[in-house]
């Protein structure tokens, strides 16, 4: 995460500052790769994730 915050990662450099609001963990590297591929390549996967985080993304607080 530190590399992202300090602008050392090309893909997030232009979006500084970055804040971690959500993460997923996987035991299997292939499962993690497939999930990332789904989020990046298929709009519906990313749209569903954005709906789950709607309040957070709008600056609100869940609770």
PDB file of N, CA and C in Angstrom:
ATOM      1  N   UNK A   1       0.828  -1.190   0.000  1.00  0.00           N
ATOM      2  CA  UNK A   1       0.000   0.000   0.000  1.00  0.00           C
ATOM      3  C   UNK A   1       0.873   1.254   0.000  1.00  0.00           C
ATOM      4  N   UNK A   2       2.010   1.163   0.660  1.00  0.00           N
ATOM      5  CA  UNK A   2       2.901   2.324   0.743  1.00  0.00           C
ATOM      6  C   UNK A   2       3.365   2.783  -0.639  1.00  0.00           C
ATOM      7  N   UNK A   3       3.625   1.826  -1.529  1.00  0.00           N
ATOM      8  CA  UNK A   3       4.042   2.186  -2.885  1.00  0.00           C
ATOM      9  C   UNK A   3       2.947   2.965  -3.613  1.00  0.00           C
ATOM     10  N   UNK A   4       1.705   2.577  -3.387  1.00  0.00           N
ATOM     11  CA  UNK A   4       0.589   3.292  -4.005  1.00  0.00           C
ATOM     12  C   UNK A   4       0.495   4.719  -3.469  1.00  0.00           C
ATOM     13  N   UNK A   5       0.612   4.862  -2.161  1.00  0.00           N
ATOM     14  CA  UNK A   5       0.477   6.176  -1.530  1.00  0.00           C
ATOM     15  C   UNK A   5       1.591   7.146  -1.915  1.00  0.00           C
ATOM     16  N   UNK A   6       2.768   6.600  -2.226  1.00  0.00           N
ATOM     17  CA  UNK A   6       3.905   7.465  -2.557  1.00  0.00           C
ATOM     18  C   UNK A   6       4.094   7.657  -4.048  1.00  0.00           C
ATOM     19  N   UNK A   7       3.157   7.141  -4.867  1.00  0.00           N
ATOM     20  CA  UNK A   7       3.209   7.359  -6.305  1.00  0.00           C
ATOM     21  C   UNK A   7       4.186   6.478  -7.055  1.00  0.00           C
ATOM     22  N   UNK A   8       4.590   5.369  -6.463  1.00  0.00           N
ATOM     23  CA  UNK A   8       5.547   4.471  -7.102  1.00  0.00           C
ATOM     24  C   UNK A   8       4.889   3.423  -7.996  1.00  0.00           C
ATOM     25  N   UNK A   9       3.563   3.365  -7.987  1.00  0.00           N
ATOM     26  CA  UNK A   9       2.841   2.395  -8.813  1.00  0.00           C
ATOM     27  C   UNK A   9       2.191   3.137  -9.971  1.00  0.00           C
ATOM     28  N   UNK A  10       2.558   2.756 -11.188  1.00  0.00           N
ATOM     29  CA  UNK A  10       2.110   3.466 -12.381  1.00  0.00           C
ATOM     30  C   UNK A  10       0.588   3.549 -12.474  1.00  0.00           C
ATOM     31  N   UNK A  11      -0.096   2.446 -12.194  1.00  0.00           N
ATOM     32  CA  UNK A  11      -1.549   2.398 -12.392  1.00  0.00           C
ATOM     33  C   UNK A  11      -2.333   3.300 -11.438  1.00  0.00           C
ATOM     34  N   UNK A  12      -1.771   3.653 -10.294  1.00  0.00           N
ATOM     35  CA  UNK A  12      -2.495   4.506  -9.345  1.00  0.00           C
ATOM     36  C   UNK A  12      -1.858   5.880  -9.172  1.00  0.00           C
ATOM     37  N   UNK A  13      -0.731   6.101  -9.798  1.00  0.00           N
ATOM     38  CA  UNK A  13       0.018   7.346  -9.632  1.00  0.00           C
ATOM     39  C   UNK A  13      -0.818   8.588  -9.945  1.00  0.00           C
ATOM     40  N   UNK A  14      -1.614   8.514 -11.008  1.00  0.00           N
ATOM     41  CA  UNK A  14      -2.395   9.693 -11.418  1.00  0.00           C
ATOM     42  C   UNK A  14      -3.628   9.936 -10.545  1.00  0.00           C
ATOM     43  N   UNK A  15      -3.907   9.030  -9.602  1.00  0.00           N
ATOM     44  CA  UNK A  15      -5.089   9.161  -8.748  1.00  0.00           C
ATOM     45  C   UNK A  15      -4.746   9.549  -7.308  1.00  0.00           C
ATOM     46  N   UNK A  16      -3.536  10.022  -7.083  1.00  0.00           N
ATOM     47  CA  UNK A  16      -3.130  10.377  -5.725  1.00  0.00           C
ATOM     48  C   UNK A  16      -3.947  11.528  -5.168  1.00  0.00           C
ATOM     49  N   UNK A  17      -4.231  11.562  -3.918  1.00  0.00           N
ATOM     50  CA  UNK A  17      -3.928  10.545  -2.917  1.00  0.00           C
ATOM     51  C   UNK A  17      -4.925   9.384  -3.006  1.00  0.00           C
ATOM     52  N   UNK A  18      -4.488   8.206  -2.621  1.00  0.00           N
ATOM     53  CA  UNK A  18      -5.354   7.027  -2.628  1.00  0.00           C
ATOM     54  C   UNK A  18      -5.653   6.618  -1.193  1.00  0.00           C
ATOM     55  N   UNK A  19      -6.841   6.094  -0.988  1.00  0.00           N
ATOM     56  CA  UNK A  19      -7.253   5.569   0.312  1.00  0.00           C
ATOM     57  C   UNK A  19      -7.838   4.184   0.109  1.00  0.00           C
ATOM     58  N   UNK A  20      -7.414   3.245   0.902  1.00  0.00           N
ATOM     59  CA  UNK A  20      -7.946   1.897   0.831  1.00  0.00           C
ATOM     60  C   UNK A  20      -9.321   1.875   1.487  1.00  0.00           C
ATOM     61  N   UNK A  21     -10.338   1.508   0.726  1.00  0.00           N
ATOM     62  CA  UNK A  21     -11.692   1.442   1.284  1.00  0.00           C
ATOM     63  C   UNK A  21     -12.253   0.029   1.253  1.00  0.00           C
ATOM     64  N   UNK A  22     -11.589  -0.876   0.523  1.00  0.00           N
ATOM     65  CA  UNK A  22     -12.104  -2.229   0.375  1.00  0.00           C
ATOM     66  C   UNK A  22     -10.985  -3.129  -0.121  1.00  0.00           C
ATOM     67  N   UNK A  23     -10.961  -4.356   0.336  1.00  0.00           N
ATOM     68  CA  UNK A  23     -10.024  -5.322  -0.221  1.00  0.00           C
ATOM     69  C   UNK A  23     -10.594  -6.723  -0.094  1.00  0.00           C
ATOM     70  N   UNK A  24     -10.128  -7.604  -0.928  1.00  0.00           N
ATOM     71  CA  UNK A  24     -10.495  -9.006  -0.899  1.00  0.00           C
ATOM     72  C   UNK A  24      -9.209  -9.808  -0.812  1.00  0.00           C
ATOM     73  N   UNK A  25      -9.254 -10.909  -0.092  1.00  0.00           N
ATOM     74  CA  UNK A  25      -8.094 -11.786  -0.013  1.00  0.00           C
ATOM     75  C   UNK A  25      -8.460 -13.170  -0.525  1.00  0.00           C
ATOM     76  N   UNK A  26      -7.484 -13.809  -1.117  1.00  0.00           N
ATOM     77  CA  UNK A  26      -7.659 -15.150  -1.654  1.00  0.00           C
ATOM     78  C   UNK A  26      -6.456 -15.998  -1.285  1.00  0.00           C
ATOM     79  N   UNK A  27      -6.686 -17.245  -0.972  1.00  0.00           N
ATOM     80  CA  UNK A  27      -5.594 -18.174  -0.707  1.00  0.00           C
ATOM     81  C   UNK A  27      -4.944 -18.569  -2.027  1.00  0.00           C
ATOM     82  N   UNK A  28      -5.765 -18.795  -3.025  1.00  0.00           N
ATOM     83  CA  UNK A  28      -5.274 -19.223  -4.330  1.00  0.00           C
ATOM     84  C   UNK A  28      -4.935 -18.013  -5.205  1.00  0.00           C
ATOM     85  N   UNK A  29      -3.735 -17.996  -5.733  1.00  0.00           N
ATOM     86  CA  UNK A  29      -3.319 -16.916  -6.623  1.00  0.00           C
ATOM     87  C   UNK A  29      -4.176 -16.901  -7.887  1.00  0.00           C
ATOM     88  N   UNK A  30      -4.564 -18.068  -8.376  1.00  0.00           N
ATOM     89  CA  UNK A  30      -5.390 -18.120  -9.586  1.00  0.00           C
ATOM     90  C   UNK A  30      -6.787 -17.567  -9.331  1.00  0.00           C
ATOM     91  N   UNK A  31      -7.338 -17.805  -8.133  1.00  0.00           N
ATOM     92  CA  UNK A  31      -8.643 -17.217  -7.788  1.00  0.00           C
ATOM     93  C   UNK A  31      -8.550 -15.692  -7.744  1.00  0.00           C
ATOM     94  N   UNK A  32      -7.482 -15.185  -7.150  1.00  0.00           N
ATOM     95  CA  UNK A  32      -7.286 -13.731  -7.086  1.00  0.00           C
ATOM     96  C   UNK A  32      -7.136 -13.143  -8.484  1.00  0.00           C
ATOM     97  N   UNK A  33      -6.374 -13.800  -9.331  1.00  0.00           N
ATOM     98  CA  UNK A  33      -6.183 -13.332 -10.703  1.00  0.00           C
ATOM     99  C   UNK A  33      -7.508 -13.305 -11.461  1.00  0.00           C
ATOM    100  N   UNK A  34      -8.297 -14.362 -11.309  1.00  0.00           N
ATOM    101  CA  UNK A  34      -9.592 -14.431 -11.994  1.00  0.00           C
ATOM    102  C   UNK A  34     -10.543 -13.342 -11.504  1.00  0.00           C
ATOM    103  N   UNK A  35     -10.530 -13.052 -10.216  1.00  0.00           N
ATOM    104  CA  UNK A  35     -11.386 -11.991  -9.670  1.00  0.00           C
ATOM    105  C   UNK A  35     -10.974 -10.630 -10.224  1.00  0.00           C
ATOM    106  N   UNK A  36      -9.671 -10.360 -10.246  1.00  0.00           N
ATOM    107  CA  UNK A  36      -9.186  -9.099 -10.784  1.00  0.00           C
ATOM    108  C   UNK A  36      -9.534  -8.971 -12.262  1.00  0.00           C
ATOM    109  N   UNK A  37      -9.398 -10.051 -12.986  1.00  0.00           N
ATOM    110  CA  UNK A  37      -9.746 -10.069 -14.414  1.00  0.00           C
ATOM    111  C   UNK A  37     -11.225  -9.761 -14.614  1.00  0.00           C
ATOM    112  N   UNK A  38     -12.062 -10.348 -13.773  1.00  0.00           N
ATOM    113  CA  UNK A  38     -13.500 -10.092 -13.857  1.00  0.00           C
ATOM    114  C   UNK A  38     -13.811  -8.621 -13.612  1.00  0.00           C
ATOM    115  N   UNK A  39     -13.199  -8.040 -12.597  1.00  0.00           N
ATOM    116  CA  UNK A  39     -13.464  -6.634 -12.272  1.00  0.00           C
ATOM    117  C   UNK A  39     -12.967  -5.698 -13.365  1.00  0.00           C
ATOM    118  N   UNK A  40     -11.843  -6.029 -13.982  1.00  0.00           N
ATOM    119  CA  UNK A  40     -11.260  -5.150 -14.992  1.00  0.00           C
ATOM    120  C   UNK A  40     -11.911  -5.296 -16.362  1.00  0.00           C
ATOM    121  N   UNK A  41     -12.336  -6.491 -16.715  1.00  0.00           N
ATOM    122  CA  UNK A  41     -12.795  -6.747 -18.081  1.00  0.00           C
ATOM    123  C   UNK A  41     -14.302  -6.773 -18.268  1.00  0.00           C
ATOM    124  N   UNK A  42     -15.035  -6.955 -17.210  1.00  0.00           N
ATOM    125  CA  UNK A  42     -16.483  -7.068 -17.342  1.00  0.00           C
ATOM    126  C   UNK A  42     -17.150  -5.999 -16.488  1.00  0.00           C
ATOM    127  N   UNK A  43     -17.837  -5.082 -17.124  1.00  0.00           N
ATOM    128  CA  UNK A  43     -18.455  -3.963 -16.429  1.00  0.00           C
ATOM    129  C   UNK A  43     -19.412  -4.366 -15.330  1.00  0.00           C
ATOM    130  N   UNK A  44     -20.069  -5.510 -15.478  1.00  0.00           N
ATOM    131  CA  UNK A  44     -21.057  -5.902 -14.474  1.00  0.00           C
ATOM    132  C   UNK A  44     -20.402  -6.237 -13.133  1.00  0.00           C
ATOM    133  N   UNK A  45     -19.230  -6.848 -13.150  1.00  0.00           N
ATOM    134  CA  UNK A  45     -18.533  -7.160 -11.904  1.00  0.00           C
ATOM    135  C   UNK A  45     -18.141  -5.906 -11.154  1.00  0.00           C
ATOM    136  N   UNK A  46     -17.621  -4.935 -11.873  1.00  0.00           N
ATOM    137  CA  UNK A  46     -17.233  -3.664 -11.250  1.00  0.00           C
ATOM    138  C   UNK A  46     -18.466  -2.890 -10.813  1.00  0.00           C
ATOM    139  N   UNK A  47     -19.517  -2.928 -11.613  1.00  0.00           N
ATOM    140  CA  UNK A  47     -20.754  -2.227 -11.254  1.00  0.00           C
ATOM    141  C   UNK A  47     -21.349  -2.795  -9.967  1.00  0.00           C
ATOM    142  N   UNK A  48     -21.325  -4.123  -9.808  1.00  0.00           N
ATOM    143  CA  UNK A  48     -21.843  -4.755  -8.585  1.00  0.00           C
ATOM    144  C   UNK A  48     -21.014  -4.353  -7.370  1.00  0.00           C
ATOM    145  N   UNK A  49     -19.704  -4.304  -7.536  1.00  0.00           N
ATOM    146  CA  UNK A  49     -18.846  -3.889  -6.428  1.00  0.00           C
ATOM    147  C   UNK A  49     -19.122  -2.436  -6.046  1.00  0.00           C
ATOM    148  N   UNK A  50     -19.293  -1.582  -7.034  1.00  0.00           N
ATOM    149  CA  UNK A  50     -19.593  -0.174  -6.757  1.00  0.00           C
ATOM    150  C   UNK A  50     -20.938  -0.029  -6.040  1.00  0.00           C
ATOM    151  N   UNK A  51     -21.907  -0.857  -6.384  1.00  0.00           N
ATOM    152  CA  UNK A  51     -23.202  -0.812  -5.691  1.00  0.00           C
ATOM    153  C   UNK A  51     -23.049  -1.226  -4.227  1.00  0.00           C
ATOM    154  N   UNK A  52     -22.197  -2.222  -3.960  1.00  0.00           N
ATOM    155  CA  UNK A  52     -21.967  -2.661  -2.585  1.00  0.00           C
ATOM    156  C   UNK A  52     -21.301  -1.572  -1.757  1.00  0.00           C
ATOM    157  N   UNK A  53     -20.529  -0.724  -2.415  1.00  0.00           N
ATOM    158  CA  UNK A  53     -19.785   0.330  -1.726  1.00  0.00           C
ATOM    159  C   UNK A  53     -20.378   1.715  -1.963  1.00  0.00           C
ATOM    160  N   UNK A  54     -21.631   1.770  -2.372  1.00  0.00           N
ATOM    161  CA  UNK A  54     -22.262   3.021  -2.767  1.00  0.00           C
ATOM    162  C   UNK A  54     -22.117   4.127  -1.716  1.00  0.00           C
ATOM    163  N   UNK A  55     -22.452   3.844  -0.482  1.00  0.00           N
ATOM    164  CA  UNK A  55     -22.373   4.865   0.573  1.00  0.00           C
ATOM    165  C   UNK A  55     -20.934   5.309   0.808  1.00  0.00           C
ATOM    166  N   UNK A  56     -20.015   4.361   0.809  1.00  0.00           N
ATOM    167  CA  UNK A  56     -18.597   4.688   1.014  1.00  0.00           C
ATOM    168  C   UNK A  56     -18.077   5.567  -0.112  1.00  0.00           C
ATOM    169  N   UNK A  57     -18.414   5.229  -1.343  1.00  0.00           N
ATOM    170  CA  UNK A  57     -17.926   5.982  -2.482  1.00  0.00           C
ATOM    171  C   UNK A  57     -18.509   7.399  -2.543  1.00  0.00           C
ATOM    172  N   UNK A  58     -19.684   7.576  -1.943  1.00  0.00           N
ATOM    173  CA  UNK A  58     -20.317   8.900  -1.919  1.00  0.00           C
ATOM    174  C   UNK A  58     -19.886   9.704  -0.692  1.00  0.00           C
ATOM    175  N   UNK A  59     -18.992   9.143   0.092  1.00  0.00           N
ATOM    176  CA  UNK A  59     -18.498   9.853   1.259  1.00  0.00           C
ATOM    177  C   UNK A  59     -19.342   9.663   2.499  1.00  0.00           C
ATOM    178  N   UNK A  60     -20.362   8.812   2.395  1.00  0.00           N
ATOM    179  CA  UNK A  60     -21.213   8.549   3.555  1.00  0.00           C
ATOM    180  C   UNK A  60     -20.611   7.498   4.446  1.00  0.00           C
ATOM    181  N   UNK A  61     -21.302   7.226   5.528  1.00  0.00           N
ATOM    182  CA  UNK A  61     -20.845   6.203   6.448  1.00  0.00           C
ATOM    183  C   UNK A  61     -21.917   5.184   6.626  1.00  0.00           C
ATOM    184  N   UNK A  62     -21.568   3.937   6.494  1.00  0.00           N
ATOM    185  CA  UNK A  62     -22.521   2.864   6.722  1.00  0.00           C
ATOM    186  C   UNK A  62     -22.698   2.681   8.227  1.00  0.00           C
ATOM    187  N   UNK A  63     -23.831   2.216   8.610  1.00  0.00           N
ATOM    188  CA  UNK A  63     -23.949   1.973  10.027  1.00  0.00           C
ATOM    189  C   UNK A  63     -25.329   1.893  10.450  1.00  0.00           C
TER     190      UNK A  63
END
